Amino acid sequence: MTHLVTLAELDEDKVTPGVLGFIVFAVMALAVWGLMKSMNRHMGKVDFKEAAEQDASGGGEAKPQQG
C-alpha cells in the first residue's frame, strides 16, 4: 500500500477547496439564483410608462436660451 502512495505522488503543498469549498460555492450560487428570481418578480411590478409632457406655456421647467 505504501508504494501506491508514492506512485500517486501526493503533494503536501497543494491546497484544494475540498467539500467545504463546494458547499460554500453551492450556497452562494443558490443565493444569487434566489436574488435574481426575486429581482425579476419585483421588476415585473414596475410601471415604466412616462407621464405626458406638459404644455410649453405652463411647463415650469426652464428651457435653454438660443443664441
N, C-alpha and C. Protein backbone atom coordinates (compact mmCIF):
# COMPACT_ATOMS: atom_id res chain seq x y z
N MET A 1 0.82 -1.19 0.00
CA MET A 1 0.00 0.00 0.00
C MET A 1 0.86 1.25 0.00
N THR A 2 2.00 1.21 0.64
CA THR A 2 2.85 2.39 0.70
C THR A 2 3.42 2.75 -0.66
N HIS A 3 3.66 1.75 -1.50
CA HIS A 3 4.19 2.05 -2.83
C HIS A 3 3.14 2.71 -3.72
N LEU A 4 1.83 2.49 -3.44
CA LEU A 4 0.78 3.15 -4.20
C LEU A 4 0.73 4.66 -3.89
N VAL A 5 1.01 4.99 -2.65
CA VAL A 5 1.01 6.40 -2.27
C VAL A 5 2.16 7.12 -2.95
N THR A 6 3.30 6.49 -3.04
CA THR A 6 4.43 7.13 -3.70
C THR A 6 4.21 7.23 -5.20
N LEU A 7 3.45 6.30 -5.79
CA LEU A 7 3.15 6.39 -7.20
C LEU A 7 2.20 7.55 -7.50
N ALA A 8 1.31 7.83 -6.58
CA ALA A 8 0.37 8.92 -6.78
C ALA A 8 1.06 10.26 -6.60
N GLU A 9 2.18 10.28 -5.94
CA GLU A 9 2.96 11.49 -5.67
C GLU A 9 2.09 12.59 -5.08
N LEU A 10 1.63 12.35 -3.89
CA LEU A 10 0.82 13.36 -3.20
C LEU A 10 1.68 14.57 -2.87
N ASP A 11 1.20 15.73 -3.23
CA ASP A 11 1.92 16.96 -2.97
C ASP A 11 1.34 17.59 -1.71
N GLU A 12 2.11 17.64 -0.64
CA GLU A 12 1.65 18.19 0.63
C GLU A 12 1.44 19.70 0.56
N ASP A 13 2.04 20.37 -0.41
CA ASP A 13 1.92 21.82 -0.52
C ASP A 13 0.70 22.24 -1.35
N LYS A 14 0.07 21.29 -1.99
CA LYS A 14 -1.08 21.60 -2.84
C LYS A 14 -2.33 21.77 -1.97
N VAL A 15 -3.01 22.87 -2.15
CA VAL A 15 -4.21 23.15 -1.38
C VAL A 15 -5.40 23.13 -2.33
N THR A 16 -6.44 22.38 -1.96
CA THR A 16 -7.65 22.31 -2.77
C THR A 16 -8.84 22.75 -1.92
N PRO A 17 -9.91 23.24 -2.54
CA PRO A 17 -11.05 23.72 -1.77
C PRO A 17 -11.80 22.61 -1.04
N GLY A 18 -11.85 21.43 -1.60
CA GLY A 18 -12.48 20.31 -0.93
C GLY A 18 -14.00 20.43 -0.87
N VAL A 19 -14.58 19.66 0.02
CA VAL A 19 -16.04 19.59 0.16
C VAL A 19 -16.58 20.90 0.70
N LEU A 20 -15.89 21.48 1.67
CA LEU A 20 -16.36 22.74 2.26
C LEU A 20 -16.41 23.85 1.21
N GLY A 21 -15.41 23.93 0.35
CA GLY A 21 -15.42 24.93 -0.71
C GLY A 21 -16.57 24.72 -1.67
N PHE A 22 -16.87 23.47 -1.99
CA PHE A 22 -18.00 23.18 -2.87
C PHE A 22 -19.32 23.58 -2.22
N ILE A 23 -19.47 23.28 -0.94
CA ILE A 23 -20.70 23.64 -0.24
C ILE A 23 -20.88 25.15 -0.19
N VAL A 24 -19.82 25.88 0.10
CA VAL A 24 -19.90 27.36 0.14
C VAL A 24 -20.26 27.90 -1.23
N PHE A 25 -19.64 27.38 -2.28
CA PHE A 25 -19.94 27.82 -3.64
C PHE A 25 -21.38 27.52 -4.01
N ALA A 26 -21.87 26.33 -3.65
CA ALA A 26 -23.25 25.95 -3.97
C ALA A 26 -24.24 26.85 -3.24
N VAL A 27 -23.97 27.17 -1.98
CA VAL A 27 -24.86 28.06 -1.22
C VAL A 27 -24.88 29.45 -1.84
N MET A 28 -23.72 29.94 -2.24
CA MET A 28 -23.66 31.27 -2.88
C MET A 28 -24.40 31.26 -4.21
N ALA A 29 -24.27 30.19 -4.98
CA ALA A 29 -24.96 30.10 -6.26
C ALA A 29 -26.47 30.07 -6.05
N LEU A 30 -26.95 29.34 -5.06
CA LEU A 30 -28.38 29.31 -4.76
C LEU A 30 -28.88 30.67 -4.29
N ALA A 31 -28.06 31.38 -3.51
CA ALA A 31 -28.44 32.72 -3.05
C ALA A 31 -28.57 33.68 -4.23
N VAL A 32 -27.63 33.64 -5.15
CA VAL A 32 -27.69 34.51 -6.33
C VAL A 32 -28.90 34.16 -7.18
N TRP A 33 -29.18 32.88 -7.36
CA TRP A 33 -30.35 32.45 -8.13
C TRP A 33 -31.63 32.98 -7.48
N GLY A 34 -31.74 32.87 -6.16
CA GLY A 34 -32.91 33.37 -5.46
C GLY A 34 -33.06 34.87 -5.57
N LEU A 35 -31.95 35.59 -5.47
CA LEU A 35 -31.99 37.05 -5.60
C LEU A 35 -32.40 37.46 -7.01
N MET A 36 -31.90 36.78 -8.02
CA MET A 36 -32.27 37.10 -9.40
C MET A 36 -33.75 36.83 -9.64
N LYS A 37 -34.26 35.73 -9.09
CA LYS A 37 -35.68 35.41 -9.25
C LYS A 37 -36.54 36.47 -8.56
N SER A 38 -36.13 36.91 -7.38
CA SER A 38 -36.86 37.95 -6.65
C SER A 38 -36.81 39.27 -7.41
N MET A 39 -35.63 39.61 -7.96
CA MET A 39 -35.49 40.85 -8.71
C MET A 39 -36.39 40.84 -9.94
N ASN A 40 -36.45 39.73 -10.65
CA ASN A 40 -37.32 39.65 -11.83
C ASN A 40 -38.78 39.82 -11.45
N ARG A 41 -39.17 39.27 -10.31
CA ARG A 41 -40.55 39.40 -9.85
C ARG A 41 -40.86 40.86 -9.52
N HIS A 42 -39.93 41.54 -8.85
CA HIS A 42 -40.14 42.94 -8.50
C HIS A 42 -40.10 43.86 -9.72
N MET A 43 -39.21 43.55 -10.67
CA MET A 43 -39.13 44.37 -11.88
C MET A 43 -40.38 44.22 -12.73
N GLY A 44 -41.05 43.10 -12.64
CA GLY A 44 -42.29 42.90 -13.37
C GLY A 44 -43.42 43.78 -12.84
N LYS A 45 -43.33 44.19 -11.59
CA LYS A 45 -44.36 45.03 -10.99
C LYS A 45 -44.16 46.51 -11.32
N VAL A 46 -42.99 46.91 -11.79
CA VAL A 46 -42.68 48.31 -12.05
C VAL A 46 -43.37 48.76 -13.33
N ASP A 47 -43.98 49.94 -13.28
CA ASP A 47 -44.64 50.52 -14.44
C ASP A 47 -43.71 51.55 -15.06
N PHE A 48 -43.27 51.34 -16.30
CA PHE A 48 -42.31 52.22 -16.94
C PHE A 48 -42.96 53.26 -17.85
N LYS A 49 -44.26 53.43 -17.77
CA LYS A 49 -44.91 54.42 -18.63
C LYS A 49 -44.56 55.82 -18.16
N GLU A 50 -44.17 56.67 -19.11
CA GLU A 50 -43.81 58.04 -18.77
C GLU A 50 -45.06 58.90 -18.70
N ALA A 51 -45.01 59.95 -17.87
CA ALA A 51 -46.11 60.89 -17.77
C ALA A 51 -46.14 61.75 -19.03
N ALA A 52 -47.35 62.19 -19.40
CA ALA A 52 -47.48 63.04 -20.58
C ALA A 52 -46.75 64.36 -20.35
N GLU A 53 -46.13 64.88 -21.40
CA GLU A 53 -45.40 66.14 -21.27
C GLU A 53 -46.37 67.30 -21.08
N GLN A 54 -45.92 68.28 -20.29
CA GLN A 54 -46.75 69.45 -20.02
C GLN A 54 -46.67 70.43 -21.19
N ASP A 55 -47.66 71.33 -21.26
CA ASP A 55 -47.65 72.36 -22.31
C ASP A 55 -46.45 73.27 -22.16
N ALA A 56 -46.04 73.90 -23.24
CA ALA A 56 -44.90 74.79 -23.21
C ALA A 56 -45.17 76.03 -22.36
N SER A 57 -46.41 76.50 -22.31
CA SER A 57 -46.72 77.72 -21.55
C SER A 57 -46.80 77.44 -20.05
N GLY A 58 -47.26 76.31 -19.64
CA GLY A 58 -47.41 76.05 -18.22
C GLY A 58 -46.39 75.06 -17.71
N GLY A 59 -45.32 74.90 -18.39
CA GLY A 59 -44.33 73.89 -18.09
C GLY A 59 -43.53 74.10 -16.83
N GLY A 60 -43.26 75.03 -16.23
CA GLY A 60 -42.49 75.17 -15.01
C GLY A 60 -41.01 74.84 -15.15
N GLU A 61 -40.61 74.15 -16.19
CA GLU A 61 -39.21 73.83 -16.37
C GLU A 61 -38.56 74.90 -17.24
N ALA A 62 -37.35 75.26 -16.92
CA ALA A 62 -36.64 76.28 -17.69
C ALA A 62 -36.10 75.67 -18.97
N LYS A 63 -36.26 76.35 -20.07
CA LYS A 63 -35.73 75.90 -21.35
C LYS A 63 -34.45 76.66 -21.65
N PRO A 64 -33.50 76.04 -22.29
CA PRO A 64 -32.26 76.74 -22.61
C PRO A 64 -32.51 77.85 -23.65
N GLN A 65 -31.77 78.92 -23.47
CA GLN A 65 -31.92 80.06 -24.40
C GLN A 65 -31.13 79.78 -25.66
N GLN A 66 -31.66 80.23 -26.78
CA GLN A 66 -30.97 80.07 -28.05
C GLN A 66 -30.17 81.31 -28.35
N GLY A 67 -29.01 81.14 -28.91
CA GLY A 67 -28.25 82.30 -29.36
C GLY A 67 -27.00 82.52 -28.69
